[in-house]
PDB file of N, CA and C in Angstrom:
ATOM      1  N   MET A   1     -12.110 -16.037  13.663  1.00  0.00           N
ATOM      2  CA  MET A   1     -10.875 -15.306  13.782  1.00  0.00           C
ATOM      3  C   MET A   1     -11.046 -14.318  14.939  1.00  0.00           C
ATOM      4  N   ASP A   2     -10.072 -14.305  15.820  1.00  0.00           N
ATOM      5  CA  ASP A   2     -10.199 -13.400  16.956  1.00  0.00           C
ATOM      6  C   ASP A   2      -9.651 -12.008  16.611  1.00  0.00           C
ATOM      7  N   LEU A   3      -9.860 -11.085  17.505  1.00  0.00           N
ATOM      8  CA  LEU A   3      -9.524  -9.688  17.275  1.00  0.00           C
ATOM      9  C   LEU A   3      -8.022  -9.467  17.098  1.00  0.00           C
ATOM     10  N   SER A   4      -7.219 -10.132  17.905  1.00  0.00           N
ATOM     11  CA  SER A   4      -5.772  -9.956  17.833  1.00  0.00           C
ATOM     12  C   SER A   4      -5.216 -10.432  16.492  1.00  0.00           C
ATOM     13  N   LEU A   5      -5.658 -11.587  16.038  1.00  0.00           N
ATOM     14  CA  LEU A   5      -5.191 -12.118  14.761  1.00  0.00           C
ATOM     15  C   LEU A   5      -5.628 -11.231  13.597  1.00  0.00           C
ATOM     16  N   ALA A   6      -6.871 -10.744  13.649  1.00  0.00           N
ATOM     17  CA  ALA A   6      -7.355  -9.851  12.595  1.00  0.00           C
ATOM     18  C   ALA A   6      -6.563  -8.556  12.559  1.00  0.00           C
ATOM     19  N   THR A   7      -6.219  -8.031  13.723  1.00  0.00           N
ATOM     20  CA  THR A   7      -5.433  -6.797  13.787  1.00  0.00           C
ATOM     21  C   THR A   7      -4.062  -6.988  13.168  1.00  0.00           C
ATOM     22  N   TRP A   8      -3.387  -8.061  13.537  1.00  0.00           N
ATOM     23  CA  TRP A   8      -2.053  -8.306  12.987  1.00  0.00           C
ATOM     24  C   TRP A   8      -2.105  -8.620  11.495  1.00  0.00           C
ATOM     25  N   LEU A   9      -3.182  -9.260  11.051  1.00  0.00           N
ATOM     26  CA  LEU A   9      -3.333  -9.534   9.623  1.00  0.00           C
ATOM     27  C   LEU A   9      -3.474  -8.237   8.830  1.00  0.00           C
ATOM     28  N   VAL A  10      -4.278  -7.307   9.326  1.00  0.00           N
ATOM     29  CA  VAL A  10      -4.457  -6.027   8.643  1.00  0.00           C
ATOM     30  C   VAL A  10      -3.143  -5.245   8.626  1.00  0.00           C
ATOM     31  N   ILE A  11      -2.397  -5.268   9.726  1.00  0.00           N
ATOM     32  CA  ILE A  11      -1.109  -4.558   9.768  1.00  0.00           C
ATOM     33  C   ILE A  11      -0.120  -5.175   8.781  1.00  0.00           C
ATOM     34  N   ALA A  12      -0.042  -6.503   8.732  1.00  0.00           N
ATOM     35  CA  ALA A  12       0.888  -7.164   7.814  1.00  0.00           C
ATOM     36  C   ALA A  12       0.520  -6.893   6.360  1.00  0.00           C
ATOM     37  N   VAL A  13      -0.768  -6.949   6.038  1.00  0.00           N
ATOM     38  CA  VAL A  13      -1.202  -6.672   4.670  1.00  0.00           C
ATOM     39  C   VAL A  13      -0.953  -5.207   4.320  1.00  0.00           C
ATOM     40  N   ALA A  14      -1.146  -4.304   5.270  1.00  0.00           N
ATOM     41  CA  ALA A  14      -0.898  -2.884   5.027  1.00  0.00           C
ATOM     42  C   ALA A  14       0.581  -2.621   4.739  1.00  0.00           C
ATOM     43  N   VAL A  15       1.468  -3.251   5.481  1.00  0.00           N
ATOM     44  CA  VAL A  15       2.906  -3.086   5.227  1.00  0.00           C
ATOM     45  C   VAL A  15       3.268  -3.627   3.850  1.00  0.00           C
ATOM     46  N   ALA A  16       2.759  -4.795   3.510  1.00  0.00           N
ATOM     47  CA  ALA A  16       3.068  -5.391   2.202  1.00  0.00           C
ATOM     48  C   ALA A  16       2.495  -4.550   1.062  1.00  0.00           C
ATOM     49  N   PHE A  17       1.239  -4.128   1.176  1.00  0.00           N
ATOM     50  CA  PHE A  17       0.609  -3.358   0.106  1.00  0.00           C
ATOM     51  C   PHE A  17       1.188  -1.953  -0.007  1.00  0.00           C
ATOM     52  N   ALA A  18       1.622  -1.367   1.097  1.00  0.00           N
ATOM     53  CA  ALA A  18       2.200  -0.026   1.038  1.00  0.00           C
ATOM     54  C   ALA A  18       3.528  -0.028   0.289  1.00  0.00           C
ATOM     55  N   ASN A  19       4.277  -1.104   0.378  1.00  0.00           N
ATOM     56  CA  ASN A  19       5.574  -1.177  -0.286  1.00  0.00           C
ATOM     57  C   ASN A  19       5.506  -1.791  -1.673  1.00  0.00           C
ATOM     58  N   LEU A  20       4.392  -2.408  -2.016  1.00  0.00           N
ATOM     59  CA  LEU A  20       4.237  -3.066  -3.310  1.00  0.00           C
ATOM     60  C   LEU A  20       4.480  -2.147  -4.510  1.00  0.00           C
ATOM     61  N   PRO A  21       3.974  -0.917  -4.542  1.00  0.00           N
ATOM     62  CA  PRO A  21       4.211  -0.083  -5.727  1.00  0.00           C
ATOM     63  C   PRO A  21       5.682   0.234  -5.976  1.00  0.00           C
ATOM     64  N   PHE A  22       6.495   0.225  -4.938  1.00  0.00           N
ATOM     65  CA  PHE A  22       7.892   0.595  -5.083  1.00  0.00           C
ATOM     66  C   PHE A  22       8.817  -0.602  -5.302  1.00  0.00           C
ATOM     67  N   LEU A  23       8.337  -1.786  -5.060  1.00  0.00           N
ATOM     68  CA  LEU A  23       9.204  -2.962  -5.149  1.00  0.00           C
ATOM     69  C   LEU A  23       9.066  -3.742  -6.449  1.00  0.00           C
ATOM     70  N   ASN A  24       8.144  -3.350  -7.316  1.00  0.00           N
ATOM     71  CA  ASN A  24       8.041  -4.028  -8.611  1.00  0.00           C
ATOM     72  C   ASN A  24       7.637  -3.023  -9.679  1.00  0.00           C
ATOM     73  N   GLU A  25       7.739  -3.430 -10.913  1.00  0.00           N
ATOM     74  CA  GLU A  25       7.417  -2.558 -12.042  1.00  0.00           C
ATOM     75  C   GLU A  25       6.069  -2.881 -12.665  1.00  0.00           C
ATOM     76  N   SER A  26       5.311  -3.761 -12.039  1.00  0.00           N
ATOM     77  CA  SER A  26       3.967  -4.085 -12.513  1.00  0.00           C
ATOM     78  C   SER A  26       2.950  -3.255 -11.751  1.00  0.00           C
ATOM     79  N   VAL A  27       1.839  -2.971 -12.388  1.00  0.00           N
ATOM     80  CA  VAL A  27       0.776  -2.228 -11.730  1.00  0.00           C
ATOM     81  C   VAL A  27      -0.014  -3.191 -10.859  1.00  0.00           C
ATOM     82  N   LEU A  28      -0.175  -2.846  -9.596  1.00  0.00           N
ATOM     83  CA  LEU A  28      -0.843  -3.661  -8.586  1.00  0.00           C
ATOM     84  C   LEU A  28      -0.209  -5.036  -8.416  1.00  0.00           C
ATOM     85  N   GLY A  29       1.006  -5.177  -8.843  1.00  0.00           N
ATOM     86  CA  GLY A  29       1.743  -6.413  -8.638  1.00  0.00           C
ATOM     87  C   GLY A  29       1.554  -7.472  -9.700  1.00  0.00           C
ATOM     88  N   PHE A  30       0.593  -7.306 -10.624  1.00  0.00           N
ATOM     89  CA  PHE A  30       0.387  -8.364 -11.610  1.00  0.00           C
ATOM     90  C   PHE A  30       0.056  -7.870 -13.017  1.00  0.00           C
ATOM     91  N   ILE A  31      -0.048  -6.590 -13.249  1.00  0.00           N
ATOM     92  CA  ILE A  31      -0.310  -6.070 -14.596  1.00  0.00           C
ATOM     93  C   ILE A  31       1.005  -5.515 -15.149  1.00  0.00           C
ATOM     94  N   PRO A  32       1.655  -6.232 -16.078  1.00  0.00           N
ATOM     95  CA  PRO A  32       2.959  -5.779 -16.560  1.00  0.00           C
ATOM     96  C   PRO A  32       2.834  -4.559 -17.474  1.00  0.00           C
ATOM     97  N   LEU A  33       3.851  -3.706 -17.414  1.00  0.00           N
ATOM     98  CA  LEU A  33       3.946  -2.544 -18.289  1.00  0.00           C
ATOM     99  C   LEU A  33       5.056  -2.770 -19.302  1.00  0.00           C
ATOM    100  N   LYS A  34       4.920  -2.140 -20.457  1.00  0.00           N
ATOM    101  CA  LYS A  34       5.988  -2.217 -21.445  1.00  0.00           C
ATOM    102  C   LYS A  34       7.136  -1.326 -21.003  1.00  0.00           C
ATOM    103  N   PRO A  35       8.383  -1.792 -21.110  1.00  0.00           N
ATOM    104  CA  PRO A  35       9.511  -0.952 -20.709  1.00  0.00           C
ATOM    105  C   PRO A  35       9.651   0.264 -21.629  1.00  0.00           C
ATOM    106  N   ALA A  36       9.905   1.403 -21.035  1.00  0.00           N
ATOM    107  CA  ALA A  36      10.089   2.633 -21.799  1.00  0.00           C
ATOM    108  C   ALA A  36      11.516   2.700 -22.324  1.00  0.00           C
ATOM    109  N   GLN A  37      11.670   3.293 -23.486  1.00  0.00           N
ATOM    110  CA  GLN A  37      12.991   3.410 -24.102  1.00  0.00           C
ATOM    111  C   GLN A  37      13.846   4.419 -23.338  1.00  0.00           C
ATOM    112  N   GLY A  38      15.019   4.009 -22.920  1.00  0.00           N
ATOM    113  CA  GLY A  38      15.982   4.905 -22.295  1.00  0.00           C
ATOM    114  C   GLY A  38      15.630   5.333 -20.884  1.00  0.00           C
ATOM    115  N   ARG A  39      14.716   4.659 -20.226  1.00  0.00           N
ATOM    116  CA  ARG A  39      14.348   5.014 -18.852  1.00  0.00           C
ATOM    117  C   ARG A  39      14.759   3.892 -17.911  1.00  0.00           C
ATOM    118  N   ALA A  40      15.222   4.283 -16.738  1.00  0.00           N
ATOM    119  CA  ALA A  40      15.614   3.294 -15.746  1.00  0.00           C
ATOM    120  C   ALA A  40      14.396   2.626 -15.110  1.00  0.00           C
ATOM    121  N   HIS A  41      13.300   3.383 -14.963  1.00  0.00           N
ATOM    122  CA  HIS A  41      12.079   2.851 -14.364  1.00  0.00           C
ATOM    123  C   HIS A  41      10.977   2.871 -15.416  1.00  0.00           C
ATOM    124  N   THR A  42      10.169   1.830 -15.449  1.00  0.00           N
ATOM    125  CA  THR A  42       9.088   1.808 -16.420  1.00  0.00           C
ATOM    126  C   THR A  42       7.831   2.463 -15.875  1.00  0.00           C
ATOM    127  N   LYS A  43       7.666   2.529 -14.562  1.00  0.00           N
ATOM    128  CA  LYS A  43       6.498   3.170 -13.974  1.00  0.00           C
ATOM    129  C   LYS A  43       6.857   4.597 -13.560  1.00  0.00           C
ATOM    130  N   PHE A  44       5.995   5.529 -13.896  1.00  0.00           N
ATOM    131  CA  PHE A  44       6.180   6.893 -13.443  1.00  0.00           C
ATOM    132  C   PHE A  44       5.794   6.987 -11.967  1.00  0.00           C
ATOM    133  N   PHE A  45       6.308   8.019 -11.303  1.00  0.00           N
ATOM    134  CA  PHE A  45       6.023   8.205  -9.880  1.00  0.00           C
ATOM    135  C   PHE A  45       4.529   8.439  -9.639  1.00  0.00           C
ATOM    136  N   VAL A  46       3.867   9.110 -10.564  1.00  0.00           N
ATOM    137  CA  VAL A  46       2.426   9.356 -10.421  1.00  0.00           C
ATOM    138  C   VAL A  46       1.653   8.044 -10.451  1.00  0.00           C
ATOM    139  N   VAL A  47       2.080   7.117 -11.267  1.00  0.00           N
ATOM    140  CA  VAL A  47       1.430   5.797 -11.324  1.00  0.00           C
ATOM    141  C   VAL A  47       1.615   5.084  -9.988  1.00  0.00           C
ATOM    142  N   ARG A  48       2.796   5.216  -9.404  1.00  0.00           N
ATOM    143  CA  ARG A  48       3.041   4.595  -8.103  1.00  0.00           C
ATOM    144  C   ARG A  48       2.149   5.209  -7.022  1.00  0.00           C
ATOM    145  N   LEU A  49       1.948   6.526  -7.072  1.00  0.00           N
ATOM    146  CA  LEU A  49       1.077   7.177  -6.091  1.00  0.00           C
ATOM    147  C   LEU A  49      -0.381   6.752  -6.263  1.00  0.00           C
ATOM    148  N   LEU A  50      -0.836   6.662  -7.505  1.00  0.00           N
ATOM    149  CA  LEU A  50      -2.204   6.193  -7.751  1.00  0.00           C
ATOM    150  C   LEU A  50      -2.380   4.753  -7.280  1.00  0.00           C
ATOM    151  N   GLU A  51      -1.370   3.951  -7.519  1.00  0.00           N
ATOM    152  CA  GLU A  51      -1.408   2.567  -7.067  1.00  0.00           C
ATOM    153  C   GLU A  51      -1.449   2.497  -5.539  1.00  0.00           C
ATOM    154  N   LEU A  52      -0.683   3.361  -4.885  1.00  0.00           N
ATOM    155  CA  LEU A  52      -0.692   3.433  -3.428  1.00  0.00           C
ATOM    156  C   LEU A  52      -2.082   3.825  -2.916  1.00  0.00           C
ATOM    157  N   PHE A  53      -2.733   4.747  -3.603  1.00  0.00           N
ATOM    158  CA  PHE A  53      -4.077   5.191  -3.244  1.00  0.00           C
ATOM    159  C   PHE A  53      -5.080   4.037  -3.364  1.00  0.00           C
ATOM    160  N   VAL A  54      -5.017   3.285  -4.440  1.00  0.00           N
ATOM    161  CA  VAL A  54      -5.924   2.150  -4.637  1.00  0.00           C
ATOM    162  C   VAL A  54      -5.669   1.068  -3.593  1.00  0.00           C
ATOM    163  N   LEU A  55      -4.405   0.786  -3.314  1.00  0.00           N
ATOM    164  CA  LEU A  55      -4.080  -0.247  -2.336  1.00  0.00           C
ATOM    165  C   LEU A  55      -4.494   0.157  -0.925  1.00  0.00           C
ATOM    166  N   TYR A  56      -4.466   1.456  -0.626  1.00  0.00           N
ATOM    167  CA  TYR A  56      -4.951   1.942   0.670  1.00  0.00           C
ATOM    168  C   TYR A  56      -6.419   1.568   0.859  1.00  0.00           C
ATOM    169  N   PHE A  57      -7.223   1.764  -0.184  1.00  0.00           N
ATOM    170  CA  PHE A  57      -8.632   1.431  -0.067  1.00  0.00           C
ATOM    171  C   PHE A  57      -8.874  -0.073  -0.061  1.00  0.00           C
ATOM    172  N   LEU A  58      -8.011  -0.855  -0.690  1.00  0.00           N
ATOM    173  CA  LEU A  58      -8.134  -2.315  -0.606  1.00  0.00           C
ATOM    174  C   LEU A  58      -7.853  -2.807   0.817  1.00  0.00           C
ATOM    175  N   VAL A  59      -6.846  -2.230   1.460  1.00  0.00           N
ATOM    176  CA  VAL A  59      -6.561  -2.588   2.851  1.00  0.00           C
ATOM    177  C   VAL A  59      -7.720  -2.153   3.752  1.00  0.00           C
ATOM    178  N   GLY A  60      -8.282  -0.976   3.467  1.00  0.00           N
ATOM    179  CA  GLY A  60      -9.436  -0.520   4.233  1.00  0.00           C
ATOM    180  C   GLY A  60     -10.630  -1.435   4.067  1.00  0.00           C
ATOM    181  N   ALA A  61     -10.838  -1.932   2.863  1.00  0.00           N
ATOM    182  CA  ALA A  61     -11.947  -2.864   2.627  1.00  0.00           C
ATOM    183  C   ALA A  61     -11.726  -4.176   3.382  1.00  0.00           C
ATOM    184  N   LEU A  62     -10.486  -4.656   3.398  1.00  0.00           N
ATOM    185  CA  LEU A  62     -10.168  -5.865   4.161  1.00  0.00           C
ATOM    186  C   LEU A  62     -10.414  -5.633   5.647  1.00  0.00           C
ATOM    187  N   ALA A  63      -9.979  -4.492   6.158  1.00  0.00           N
ATOM    188  CA  ALA A  63     -10.181  -4.186   7.578  1.00  0.00           C
ATOM    189  C   ALA A  63     -11.668  -4.091   7.906  1.00  0.00           C
ATOM    190  N   TYR A  64     -12.436  -3.473   7.025  1.00  0.00           N
ATOM    191  CA  TYR A  64     -13.881  -3.367   7.246  1.00  0.00           C
ATOM    192  C   TYR A  64     -14.538  -4.753   7.232  1.00  0.00           C
ATOM    193  N   LEU A  65     -14.119  -5.596   6.306  1.00  0.00           N
ATOM    194  CA  LEU A  65     -14.663  -6.955   6.230  1.00  0.00           C
ATOM    195  C   LEU A  65     -14.366  -7.741   7.505  1.00  0.00           C
ATOM    196  N   LEU A  66     -13.118  -7.663   7.972  1.00  0.00           N
ATOM    197  CA  LEU A  66     -12.769  -8.387   9.194  1.00  0.00           C
ATOM    198  C   LEU A  66     -13.497  -7.814  10.403  1.00  0.00           C
ATOM    199  N   GLU A  67     -13.658  -6.482  10.450  1.00  0.00           N
ATOM    200  CA  GLU A  67     -14.373  -5.863  11.559  1.00  0.00           C
ATOM    201  C   GLU A  67     -15.843  -6.278  11.565  1.00  0.00           C
ATOM    202  N   SER A  68     -16.436  -6.370  10.394  1.00  0.00           N
ATOM    203  CA  SER A  68     -17.843  -6.760  10.339  1.00  0.00           C
ATOM    204  C   SER A  68     -18.043  -8.230  10.699  1.00  0.00           C
ATOM    205  N   ARG A  69     -17.055  -9.059  10.461  1.00  0.00           N
ATOM    206  CA  ARG A  69     -17.169 -10.473  10.834  1.00  0.00           C
ATOM    207  C   ARG A  69     -16.982 -10.682  12.324  1.00  0.00           C
ATOM    208  N   ILE A  70     -16.205  -9.792  12.968  1.00  0.00           N
ATOM    209  CA  ILE A  70     -15.971  -9.926  14.408  1.00  0.00           C
ATOM    210  C   ILE A  70     -17.163  -9.410  15.205  1.00  0.00           C
ATOM    211  N   GLY A  71     -17.750  -8.315  14.760  1.00  0.00           N
ATOM    212  CA  GLY A  71     -18.865  -7.730  15.502  1.00  0.00           C
ATOM    213  C   GLY A  71     -19.403  -6.532  14.747  1.00  0.00           C
ATOM    214  N   ASN A  72     -19.910  -5.572  15.475  1.00  0.00           N
ATOM    215  CA  ASN A  72     -20.457  -4.369  14.864  1.00  0.00           C
ATOM    216  C   ASN A  72     -19.346  -3.481  14.307  1.00  0.00           C
ATOM    217  N   THR A  73     -19.628  -2.868  13.185  1.00  0.00           N
ATOM    218  CA  THR A  73     -18.668  -1.922  12.619  1.00  0.00           C
ATOM    219  C   THR A  73     -18.940  -0.542  13.205  1.00  0.00           C
ATOM    220  N   PHE A  74     -17.885   0.238  13.330  1.00  0.00           N
ATOM    221  CA  PHE A  74     -18.004   1.576  13.887  1.00  0.00           C
ATOM    222  C   PHE A  74     -17.963   2.594  12.756  1.00  0.00           C
ATOM    223  N   PRO A  75     -18.796   3.611  12.820  1.00  0.00           N
ATOM    224  CA  PRO A  75     -18.750   4.646  11.769  1.00  0.00           C
ATOM    225  C   PRO A  75     -17.458   5.451  11.883  1.00  0.00           C
ATOM    226  N   GLN A  76     -16.873   5.786  10.732  1.00  0.00           N
ATOM    227  CA  GLN A  76     -15.619   6.532  10.700  1.00  0.00           C
ATOM    228  C   GLN A  76     -15.865   7.909  10.105  1.00  0.00           C
ATOM    229  N   THR A  77     -15.161   8.884  10.608  1.00  0.00           N
ATOM    230  CA  THR A  77     -15.253  10.241  10.073  1.00  0.00           C
ATOM    231  C   THR A  77     -13.979  10.564   9.317  1.00  0.00           C
ATOM    232  N   TRP A  78     -13.880  11.776   8.829  1.00  0.00           N
ATOM    233  CA  TRP A  78     -12.738  12.155   7.993  1.00  0.00           C
ATOM    234  C   TRP A  78     -11.419  12.070   8.751  1.00  0.00           C
ATOM    235  N   GLU A  79     -11.452  12.257  10.079  1.00  0.00           N
ATOM    236  CA  GLU A  79     -10.212  12.194  10.855  1.00  0.00           C
ATOM    237  C   GLU A  79      -9.578  10.804  10.780  1.00  0.00           C
ATOM    238  N   PHE A  80     -10.419   9.781  10.809  1.00  0.00           N
ATOM    239  CA  PHE A  80      -9.914   8.413  10.706  1.00  0.00           C
ATOM    240  C   PHE A  80      -9.192   8.202   9.382  1.00  0.00           C
ATOM    241  N   TYR A  81      -9.804   8.660   8.302  1.00  0.00           N
ATOM    242  CA  TYR A  81      -9.197   8.465   6.981  1.00  0.00           C
ATOM    243  C   TYR A  81      -7.933   9.296   6.808  1.00  0.00           C
ATOM    244  N   ALA A  82      -7.890  10.477   7.382  1.00  0.00           N
ATOM    245  CA  ALA A  82      -6.681  11.303   7.309  1.00  0.00           C
ATOM    246  C   ALA A  82      -5.529  10.643   8.056  1.00  0.00           C
ATOM    247  N   ILE A  83      -5.798  10.149   9.243  1.00  0.00           N
ATOM    248  CA  ILE A  83      -4.741   9.523  10.049  1.00  0.00           C
ATOM    249  C   ILE A  83      -4.301   8.202   9.434  1.00  0.00           C
ATOM    250  N   SER A  84      -5.253   7.369   9.023  1.00  0.00           N
ATOM    251  CA  SER A  84      -4.867   6.071   8.453  1.00  0.00           C
ATOM    252  C   SER A  84      -4.170   6.246   7.106  1.00  0.00           C
ATOM    253  N   GLY A  85      -4.553   7.264   6.332  1.00  0.00           N
ATOM    254  CA  GLY A  85      -3.847   7.546   5.078  1.00  0.00           C
ATOM    255  C   GLY A  85      -2.409   7.966   5.326  1.00  0.00           C
ATOM    256  N   CYS A  86      -2.196   8.814   6.329  1.00  0.00           N
ATOM    257  CA  CYS A  86      -0.826   9.218   6.681  1.00  0.00           C
ATOM    258  C   CYS A  86      -0.009   8.033   7.181  1.00  0.00           C
ATOM    259  N   MET A  87      -0.640   7.166   7.951  1.00  0.00           N
ATOM    260  CA  MET A  87       0.070   5.973   8.426  1.00  0.00           C
ATOM    261  C   MET A  87       0.433   5.051   7.270  1.00  0.00           C
ATOM    262  N   PHE A  88      -0.441   4.947   6.278  1.00  0.00           N
ATOM    263  CA  PHE A  88      -0.158   4.103   5.117  1.00  0.00           C
ATOM    264  C   PHE A  88       1.031   4.659   4.329  1.00  0.00           C
ATOM    265  N   VAL A  89       1.107   5.977   4.211  1.00  0.00           N
ATOM    266  CA  VAL A  89       2.246   6.604   3.525  1.00  0.00           C
ATOM    267  C   VAL A  89       3.536   6.367   4.311  1.00  0.00           C
ATOM    268  N   VAL A  90       3.466   6.437   5.633  1.00  0.00           N
ATOM    269  CA  VAL A  90       4.647   6.161   6.461  1.00  0.00           C
ATOM    270  C   VAL A  90       5.081   4.710   6.298  1.00  0.00           C
ATOM    271  N   LEU A  91       4.127   3.801   6.216  1.00  0.00           N
ATOM    272  CA  LEU A  91       4.481   2.390   5.999  1.00  0.00           C
ATOM    273  C   LEU A  91       5.138   2.174   4.643  1.00  0.00           C
ATOM    274  N   ALA A  92       4.869   3.063   3.671  1.00  0.00           N
ATOM    275  CA  ALA A  92       5.460   2.936   2.337  1.00  0.00           C
ATOM    276  C   ALA A  92       6.873   3.496   2.274  1.00  0.00           C
ATOM    277  N   PHE A  93       7.357   4.125   3.326  1.00  0.00           N
ATOM    278  CA  PHE A  93       8.667   4.763   3.292  1.00  0.00           C
ATOM    279  C   PHE A  93       9.821   3.796   2.993  1.00  0.00           C
ATOM    280  N   PRO A  94       9.876   2.589   3.567  1.00  0.00           N
ATOM    281  CA  PRO A  94      10.987   1.688   3.213  1.00  0.00           C
ATOM    282  C   PRO A  94      11.050   1.360   1.718  1.00  0.00           C
ATOM    283  N   GLY A  95       9.908   1.156   1.082  1.00  0.00           N
ATOM    284  CA  GLY A  95       9.900   0.891  -0.353  1.00  0.00           C
ATOM    285  C   GLY A  95      10.349   2.101  -1.151  1.00  0.00           C
ATOM    286  N   PHE A  96       9.948   3.307  -0.720  1.00  0.00           N
ATOM    287  CA  PHE A  96      10.372   4.538  -1.383  1.00  0.00           C
ATOM    288  C   PHE A  96      11.888   4.705  -1.275  1.00  0.00           C
ATOM    289  N   VAL A  97      12.432   4.457  -0.104  1.00  0.00           N
ATOM    290  CA  VAL A  97      13.883   4.568   0.088  1.00  0.00           C
ATOM    291  C   VAL A  97      14.600   3.549  -0.773  1.00  0.00           C
ATOM    292  N   PHE A  98      14.098   2.338  -0.810  1.00  0.00           N
ATOM    293  CA  PHE A  98      14.727   1.293  -1.603  1.00  0.00           C
ATOM    294  C   PHE A  98      14.732   1.651  -3.090  1.00  0.00           C
ATOM    295  N   LYS A  99      13.653   2.263  -3.569  1.00  0.00           N
ATOM    296  CA  LYS A  99      13.525   2.547  -4.994  1.00  0.00           C
ATOM    297  C   LYS A  99      14.235   3.829  -5.409  1.00  0.00           C
ATOM    298  N   TYR A 100      14.123   4.898  -4.611  1.00  0.00           N
ATOM    299  CA  TYR A 100      14.585   6.197  -5.072  1.00  0.00           C
ATOM    300  C   TYR A 100      15.785   6.763  -4.326  1.00  0.00           C
ATOM    301  N   LEU A 101      16.001   6.432  -3.088  1.00  0.00           N
ATOM    302  CA  LEU A 101      17.065   7.068  -2.301  1.00  0.00           C
ATOM    303  C   LEU A 101      18.291   6.205  -2.094  1.00  0.00           C
ATOM    304  N   ARG A 102      18.193   4.929  -2.379  1.00  0.00           N
ATOM    305  CA  ARG A 102      19.318   4.028  -2.196  1.00  0.00           C
ATOM    306  C   ARG A 102      20.381   4.300  -3.245  1.00  0.00           C
ATOM    307  N   LYS A 103      21.635   4.346  -2.809  1.00  0.00           N
ATOM    308  CA  LYS A 103      22.732   4.590  -3.746  1.00  0.00           C
ATOM    309  C   LYS A 103      23.030   3.297  -4.499  1.00  0.00           C
ATOM    310  N   ARG A 104      23.026   3.412  -5.814  1.00  0.00           N
ATOM    311  CA  ARG A 104      23.276   2.254  -6.662  1.00  0.00           C
ATOM    312  C   ARG A 104      24.721   2.249  -7.130  1.00  0.00           C
ATOM    313  N   ARG A 105      25.304   1.113  -7.105  1.00  0.00           N
ATOM    314  CA  ARG A 105      26.694   0.962  -7.573  1.00  0.00           C
ATOM    315  C   ARG A 105      26.660   0.399  -8.992  1.00  0.00           C
ATOM    316  N   HIS A 106      27.380   1.027  -9.874  1.00  0.00           N
ATOM    317  CA  HIS A 106      27.388   0.597 -11.280  1.00  0.00           C
ATOM    318  C   HIS A 106      28.599  -0.215 -11.579  1.00  0.00           C
TER     319      HIS A 106
END
């Protein structure tokens, strides 16, 4: 796999995983939750944030794996994780808007 394909693969997976917590009611996309009585959403917002945190590290693990297969891996400092974490949250914005800010017609 060449560098360009690996880069686009990581970006595509990051976009999909960043929006996954907001686009379904299952935890990590495959663990179903029991519907709560009288609630419109079965997942609490805190659960969605924790799920986003776990998925961020899964995307990071995929990126590290692809980087190690292409060549030498580079050591990362806290600045890298701060910036990539903020970028992951920005990538999650469309799912957040779809779930919480979109006007619903009854």
